[in-house]
Amino acid sequence: MSDDKQKVKKTELEARRKRVNRLKKIIVIIVVVCLLLPSVLCLALWMKVAHLERQMNTIVENYGVRQQSLKKDTAYAADVKKQKKMDLSEEDQTKIKGKKVYLTFDDGPSENTEKILKILDEYDVKATFFVIGQTDEYSKKLYQKIYAQGHTLAMHSYTHQYQKIYKSLFAYKKDLSRLSDLLFETVGVRPKFVRFPGGSSNTVSNIDMKDVIRYLKKEGYIYFDWNVINGDATGENLTKEEMVNNVISGVKQYDTSIVLMHDSAGKEKTVETLPTILKKLKKMKVSVLAINNTTIPVQHIKAEEVE
């Protein structure tokens, strides 16, 4: 075999070897991708599910039973299974005399707010509305109506979007300031009472809630959590009777009850049960009041313990 032919053959073998090596690399890459891709997708899916689960748990915890994380003087009336139906005897009514009950409504205004205002007026009762920021004319009229009828107009948050509000202390300040400006422009007052979305003991905040509390104290705000709920935000499909019982059973436990309810869209049961609750509270001879400067705050994280 001539030298030229040997060179040609050698070149062909070298080219074939390179093609084989490239093919091997491609096969290896494909195999690795096929092995890793399902794992990566599973991991991403698991992280997404875990995130959604944390959000769901947070929602339930924020408005449900948080007995493990709250102090002795904070209790919830949402644990329906542990409560007995309330048929108040004369002896019970005597024990309850002198109690103060503050009905509070979060997340409005909405059409349900207007219905609630009408019911409160019929029973000559004042309440507290922790509102969110809405700029449509209907909502603005409801802000004005709440204030004009002698109820307490208080602040919840502008956006009620946890990830935005609790992204940083600056973000919280900006959100609250935005709501304060809106209410001042609409009603002419700057409310001093505040309720944190999720409460002061929420588990979703990216910032230390004690830092937020220090800010509120510095600015002269007073925040209120709750120790009784009707259960309209627990994620459970409670009956009207259970919701009424939650409130009455909870009120029986405390000299001062801050009752958490919601007046946002979709809370029709809260509207429908309110007359029954008011009738029972009247029968119990408790004082049903709007939050004011003399109200003793119920706080999951107590302001005086935050320096």
Protein backbone atom coordinates (compact mmCIF):
# COMPACT_ATOMS: atom_id res chain seq x y z
CA MET A 1 0.00 0.00 0.00
CA SER A 2 1.37 3.36 -1.01
CA ASP A 3 2.06 6.09 1.44
CA ASP A 4 -0.75 8.23 -0.06
CA LYS A 5 -3.32 5.50 0.45
CA GLN A 6 -2.15 4.93 4.02
CA LYS A 7 -2.50 8.65 4.73
CA VAL A 8 -6.01 8.73 3.26
CA LYS A 9 -7.05 5.71 5.29
CA LYS A 10 -5.55 7.16 8.43
CA THR A 11 -7.41 10.42 7.83
CA GLU A 12 -10.68 8.56 7.34
CA LEU A 13 -10.13 6.57 10.55
CA GLU A 14 -9.35 9.73 12.46
CA ALA A 15 -12.49 11.42 11.11
CA ARG A 16 -14.58 8.37 11.98
CA ARG A 17 -13.11 8.29 15.47
CA LYS A 18 -14.03 11.94 15.99
CA ARG A 19 -17.57 11.30 14.77
CA VAL A 20 -17.91 8.36 17.13
CA ASN A 21 -16.59 10.42 20.04
CA ARG A 22 -19.02 13.24 19.25
CA LEU A 23 -21.85 10.75 19.02
CA LYS A 24 -20.85 9.27 22.40
CA LYS A 25 -20.83 12.72 23.97
CA ILE A 26 -24.25 13.50 22.51
CA ILE A 27 -25.62 10.20 23.80
CA VAL A 28 -24.14 10.85 27.25
CA ILE A 29 -25.64 14.36 27.34
CA ILE A 30 -29.05 13.05 26.27
CA VAL A 31 -28.92 10.33 28.92
CA VAL A 32 -27.89 12.82 31.63
CA VAL A 33 -30.64 15.25 30.60
CA CYS A 34 -33.20 12.46 30.55
CA LEU A 35 -32.12 11.43 34.03
CA LEU A 36 -31.90 14.92 35.49
CA LEU A 37 -34.89 16.60 33.84
CA PRO A 38 -37.55 14.56 35.71
CA SER A 39 -35.71 15.19 38.96
CA VAL A 40 -35.50 18.93 38.29
CA LEU A 41 -39.17 19.07 37.31
CA CYS A 42 -40.16 17.08 40.38
CA LEU A 43 -38.10 19.37 42.60
CA ALA A 44 -39.67 22.46 41.04
CA LEU A 45 -43.14 20.98 41.43
CA TRP A 46 -42.43 20.02 45.02
CA MET A 47 -41.23 23.54 45.80
CA LYS A 48 -44.36 25.01 44.21
CA VAL A 49 -46.64 22.66 46.15
CA ALA A 50 -44.75 23.42 49.37
CA HIS A 51 -45.11 27.15 48.71
CA LEU A 52 -48.85 26.82 48.09
CA GLU A 53 -49.21 24.68 51.18
CA ARG A 54 -47.44 27.30 53.28
CA GLN A 55 -49.75 29.97 51.90
CA MET A 56 -52.84 27.89 52.68
CA ASN A 57 -51.57 27.13 56.16
CA THR A 58 -50.88 30.82 56.69
CA ILE A 59 -54.39 31.80 55.64
CA VAL A 60 -55.92 29.26 58.00
CA GLU A 61 -53.57 30.16 60.84
CA ASN A 62 -54.03 33.90 60.43
CA TYR A 63 -57.79 33.73 60.86
CA GLY A 64 -58.17 30.40 62.56
CA VAL A 65 -57.07 28.73 65.72
CA ARG A 66 -53.49 29.72 66.69
CA GLN A 67 -53.56 28.52 70.27
CA GLN A 68 -50.00 27.23 70.23
CA SER A 69 -48.51 30.56 69.25
CA LEU A 70 -50.76 32.88 71.21
CA LYS A 71 -50.66 33.74 74.87
CA LYS A 72 -53.15 32.76 77.48
CA ASP A 73 -55.32 35.85 77.07
CA THR A 74 -55.77 35.22 73.36
CA ALA A 75 -58.27 32.58 72.34
CA TYR A 76 -60.27 31.80 69.27
CA ALA A 77 -63.85 30.76 68.93
CA ALA A 78 -63.30 28.96 65.65
CA ASP A 79 -62.75 25.51 67.13
CA VAL A 80 -66.37 24.57 66.74
CA LYS A 81 -65.90 20.96 67.81
CA LYS A 82 -64.78 22.05 71.28
CA GLN A 83 -67.68 24.43 71.83
CA LYS A 84 -71.11 23.79 73.16
CA LYS A 85 -74.27 25.32 71.80
CA MET A 86 -75.08 28.51 73.70
CA ASP A 87 -78.47 28.61 75.39
CA LEU A 88 -77.89 31.38 77.92
CA SER A 89 -79.50 30.89 81.29
CA GLU A 90 -80.30 33.80 83.61
CA GLU A 91 -77.22 32.85 85.65
CA ASP A 92 -75.02 33.06 82.55
CA GLN A 93 -76.50 36.45 81.65
CA THR A 94 -75.69 37.76 85.12
CA LYS A 95 -72.07 36.62 84.82
CA ILE A 96 -71.67 38.34 81.49
CA LYS A 97 -72.95 41.75 82.56
CA GLY A 98 -70.33 44.47 82.21
CA LYS A 99 -68.54 42.83 79.32
CA LYS A 100 -67.38 44.90 76.38
CA VAL A 101 -67.65 43.59 72.84
CA TYR A 102 -66.05 45.26 69.84
CA LEU A 103 -67.33 44.00 66.50
CA THR A 104 -64.72 44.53 63.81
CA PHE A 105 -64.96 43.99 60.06
CA ASP A 106 -61.93 43.52 57.80
CA ASP A 107 -61.24 43.78 54.06
CA GLY A 108 -64.09 46.09 53.02
CA PRO A 109 -65.66 48.11 51.71
CA SER A 110 -68.00 46.16 49.46
CA GLU A 111 -71.73 45.76 48.94
CA ASN A 112 -71.74 43.68 52.12
CA THR A 113 -70.42 46.70 54.01
CA GLU A 114 -73.50 48.68 53.06
CA LYS A 115 -75.77 45.83 54.23
CA ILE A 116 -73.88 45.59 57.51
CA LEU A 117 -74.15 49.33 58.08
CA LYS A 118 -77.90 49.10 57.64
CA ILE A 119 -78.17 46.24 60.16
CA LEU A 120 -75.99 48.06 62.69
CA ASP A 121 -78.17 51.13 62.33
CA GLU A 122 -81.31 49.08 62.93
CA TYR A 123 -79.87 47.75 66.19
CA ASP A 124 -78.32 51.11 67.15
CA VAL A 125 -74.84 49.56 67.38
CA LYS A 126 -71.47 50.99 66.43
CA ALA A 127 -68.64 48.87 65.04
CA THR A 128 -65.13 49.18 63.64
CA PHE A 129 -64.15 48.76 59.99
CA PHE A 130 -60.53 47.95 59.12
CA VAL A 131 -60.64 48.93 55.47
CA ILE A 132 -58.39 48.35 52.49
CA GLY A 133 -57.61 50.80 49.69
CA GLN A 134 -60.19 51.18 46.92
CA THR A 135 -60.56 54.25 44.75
CA ASP A 136 -63.89 53.70 42.99
CA GLU A 137 -66.64 56.16 43.86
CA TYR A 138 -68.84 53.51 45.50
CA SER A 139 -66.08 52.54 47.93
CA LYS A 140 -65.30 56.17 48.70
CA LYS A 141 -68.94 56.79 49.57
CA LEU A 142 -68.82 53.81 51.93
CA TYR A 143 -65.71 55.20 53.66
CA GLN A 144 -67.67 58.41 54.18
CA LYS A 145 -70.77 56.56 55.33
CA ILE A 146 -68.85 54.51 57.90
CA TYR A 147 -67.41 57.67 59.40
CA ALA A 148 -70.59 59.75 59.15
CA GLN A 149 -72.65 57.13 60.96
CA GLY A 150 -70.32 57.17 63.95
CA HIS A 151 -68.47 53.93 63.34
CA THR A 152 -64.71 53.74 63.70
CA LEU A 153 -62.86 53.94 60.38
CA ALA A 154 -59.57 52.06 60.81
CA MET A 155 -56.79 50.86 58.54
CA HIS A 156 -56.02 47.31 57.44
CA SER A 157 -53.74 47.84 54.44
CA TYR A 158 -53.96 49.39 51.01
CA THR A 159 -53.27 46.34 48.86
CA HIS A 160 -53.76 43.43 51.29
CA GLN A 161 -51.11 41.60 49.27
CA TYR A 162 -48.86 39.93 51.81
CA GLN A 163 -45.82 39.61 49.57
CA LYS A 164 -45.90 43.33 48.79
CA ILE A 165 -46.79 44.61 52.24
CA TYR A 166 -44.31 42.50 54.15
CA LYS A 167 -41.48 42.63 51.62
CA SER A 168 -39.66 45.21 53.72
CA LEU A 169 -40.33 47.76 56.44
CA PHE A 170 -40.24 50.46 53.77
CA ALA A 171 -42.87 48.57 51.77
CA TYR A 172 -45.14 48.36 54.82
CA LYS A 173 -44.74 52.05 55.58
CA LYS A 174 -45.50 52.93 51.96
CA ASP A 175 -48.62 50.77 51.89
CA LEU A 176 -50.02 52.15 55.15
CA SER A 177 -49.19 55.73 54.17
CA ARG A 178 -50.96 55.26 50.85
CA LEU A 179 -54.12 54.11 52.65
CA SER A 180 -53.89 56.94 55.15
CA ASP A 181 -53.64 59.47 52.31
CA LEU A 182 -56.63 57.95 50.52
CA LEU A 183 -58.83 58.11 53.62
CA PHE A 184 -57.70 61.64 54.42
CA GLU A 185 -58.53 62.78 50.90
CA THR A 186 -61.89 60.99 51.01
CA VAL A 187 -63.10 61.50 54.58
CA GLY A 188 -60.83 64.21 55.98
CA VAL A 189 -59.37 62.11 58.80
CA ARG A 190 -56.25 60.01 59.29
CA PRO A 191 -57.20 56.90 61.29
CA LYS A 192 -54.89 55.95 64.15
CA PHE A 193 -56.14 52.38 64.64
CA VAL A 194 -54.53 49.62 62.58
CA ARG A 195 -54.89 45.90 62.03
CA PHE A 196 -52.10 43.94 60.39
CA PRO A 197 -53.09 41.66 57.52
CA GLY A 198 -52.77 38.27 59.18
CA GLY A 199 -52.42 39.85 62.62
CA SER A 200 -49.27 40.78 64.51
CA SER A 201 -48.44 37.09 64.89
CA ASN A 202 -48.64 36.27 61.17
CA THR A 203 -46.10 33.80 59.79
CA VAL A 204 -45.78 35.17 56.26
CA SER A 205 -43.96 38.43 56.87
CA ASN A 206 -40.46 38.69 55.42
CA ILE A 207 -39.66 41.26 58.08
CA ASP A 208 -39.61 41.03 61.84
CA MET A 209 -43.07 42.13 62.97
CA LYS A 210 -41.45 43.73 66.02
CA ASP A 211 -39.77 46.20 63.66
CA VAL A 212 -43.19 47.08 62.23
CA ILE A 213 -44.60 47.41 65.73
CA ARG A 214 -41.79 49.79 66.70
CA TYR A 215 -42.64 51.91 63.66
CA LEU A 216 -46.35 52.05 64.57
CA LYS A 217 -45.55 52.97 68.16
CA LYS A 218 -43.21 55.72 67.01
CA GLU A 219 -45.87 57.15 64.69
CA GLY A 220 -48.62 56.98 67.33
CA TYR A 221 -50.65 54.18 65.78
CA ILE A 222 -52.43 51.55 67.90
CA TYR A 223 -52.86 48.08 66.42
CA PHE A 224 -55.57 45.58 67.27
CA ASP A 225 -55.62 41.84 66.80
CA TRP A 226 -58.57 39.75 67.99
CA ASN A 227 -59.54 37.10 70.52
CA VAL A 228 -62.87 35.98 69.05
CA ILE A 229 -63.79 35.14 65.46
CA ASN A 230 -66.98 34.16 63.71
CA GLY A 231 -65.02 31.81 61.44
CA ASP A 232 -65.81 33.39 58.08
CA ALA A 233 -62.15 33.18 56.98
CA THR A 234 -61.04 29.82 58.35
CA GLY A 235 -61.48 28.03 55.04
CA GLU A 236 -64.23 25.88 56.54
CA ASN A 237 -67.78 25.94 55.25
CA LEU A 238 -69.34 26.72 58.61
CA THR A 239 -73.07 26.82 59.08
CA LYS A 240 -74.72 30.03 60.18
CA GLU A 241 -75.45 28.46 63.55
CA GLU A 242 -71.77 27.58 64.00
CA MET A 243 -70.70 31.12 63.12
CA VAL A 244 -73.13 32.60 65.64
CA ASN A 245 -72.03 30.11 68.26
CA ASN A 246 -68.37 30.99 67.64
CA VAL A 247 -69.02 34.60 68.54
CA ILE A 248 -71.27 34.01 71.53
CA SER A 249 -69.03 31.28 72.97
CA GLY A 250 -65.97 33.47 72.52
CA VAL A 251 -67.55 36.53 74.07
CA LYS A 252 -68.48 34.53 77.14
CA GLN A 253 -64.79 33.93 77.87
CA TYR A 254 -63.53 37.51 78.01
CA ASP A 255 -64.31 40.79 79.72
CA THR A 256 -63.13 42.54 76.54
CA SER A 257 -63.80 40.78 73.24
CA ILE A 258 -62.43 41.94 69.91
CA VAL A 259 -64.48 40.00 67.36
CA LEU A 260 -62.98 39.40 63.92
CA MET A 261 -65.37 39.28 60.97
CA HIS A 262 -65.17 40.26 57.30
CA ASP A 263 -67.29 42.54 55.14
CA SER A 264 -65.61 41.84 51.79
CA ALA A 265 -67.38 40.35 48.80
CA GLY A 266 -68.36 36.72 49.34
CA LYS A 267 -69.02 37.09 53.07
CA GLU A 268 -72.79 36.94 52.79
CA LYS A 269 -73.07 34.56 55.74
CA THR A 270 -71.48 37.20 57.95
CA VAL A 271 -74.20 39.61 56.89
CA GLU A 272 -76.94 37.04 57.36
CA THR A 273 -75.79 36.01 60.85
CA LEU A 274 -75.18 39.52 62.16
CA PRO A 275 -78.79 40.19 63.29
CA THR A 276 -78.84 36.97 65.31
CA ILE A 277 -75.50 37.81 66.90
CA LEU A 278 -76.69 41.29 67.81
CA LYS A 279 -79.91 39.95 69.32
CA LYS A 280 -77.97 37.49 71.48
CA LEU A 281 -75.48 40.15 72.55
CA LYS A 282 -78.32 42.48 73.49
CA LYS A 283 -79.90 39.68 75.51
CA MET A 284 -76.58 39.13 77.27
CA LYS A 285 -76.61 42.82 78.22
CA VAL A 286 -73.03 43.35 77.06
CA SER A 287 -71.81 46.70 75.81
CA VAL A 288 -71.29 46.55 72.03
CA LEU A 289 -68.92 49.36 71.10
CA ALA A 290 -66.72 50.74 68.37
CA ILE A 291 -63.00 50.81 69.08
CA ASN A 292 -61.99 54.14 70.64
CA ASN A 293 -59.21 55.70 72.66
CA THR A 294 -60.30 53.88 75.83
CA THR A 295 -60.39 50.42 74.26
CA ILE A 296 -57.86 47.99 75.72
CA PRO A 297 -56.11 46.45 72.70
CA VAL A 298 -56.02 42.72 72.20
CA GLN A 299 -52.59 42.03 70.72
CA HIS A 300 -51.00 38.70 69.87
CA ILE A 301 -47.59 40.38 70.14
CA LYS A 302 -48.02 42.97 72.86
CA ALA A 303 -46.79 46.44 72.04
CA GLU A 304 -45.47 47.09 75.55
CA GLU A 305 -43.19 44.05 75.23
CA VAL A 306 -41.53 45.49 72.12
CA GLU A 307 -38.88 48.06 72.99
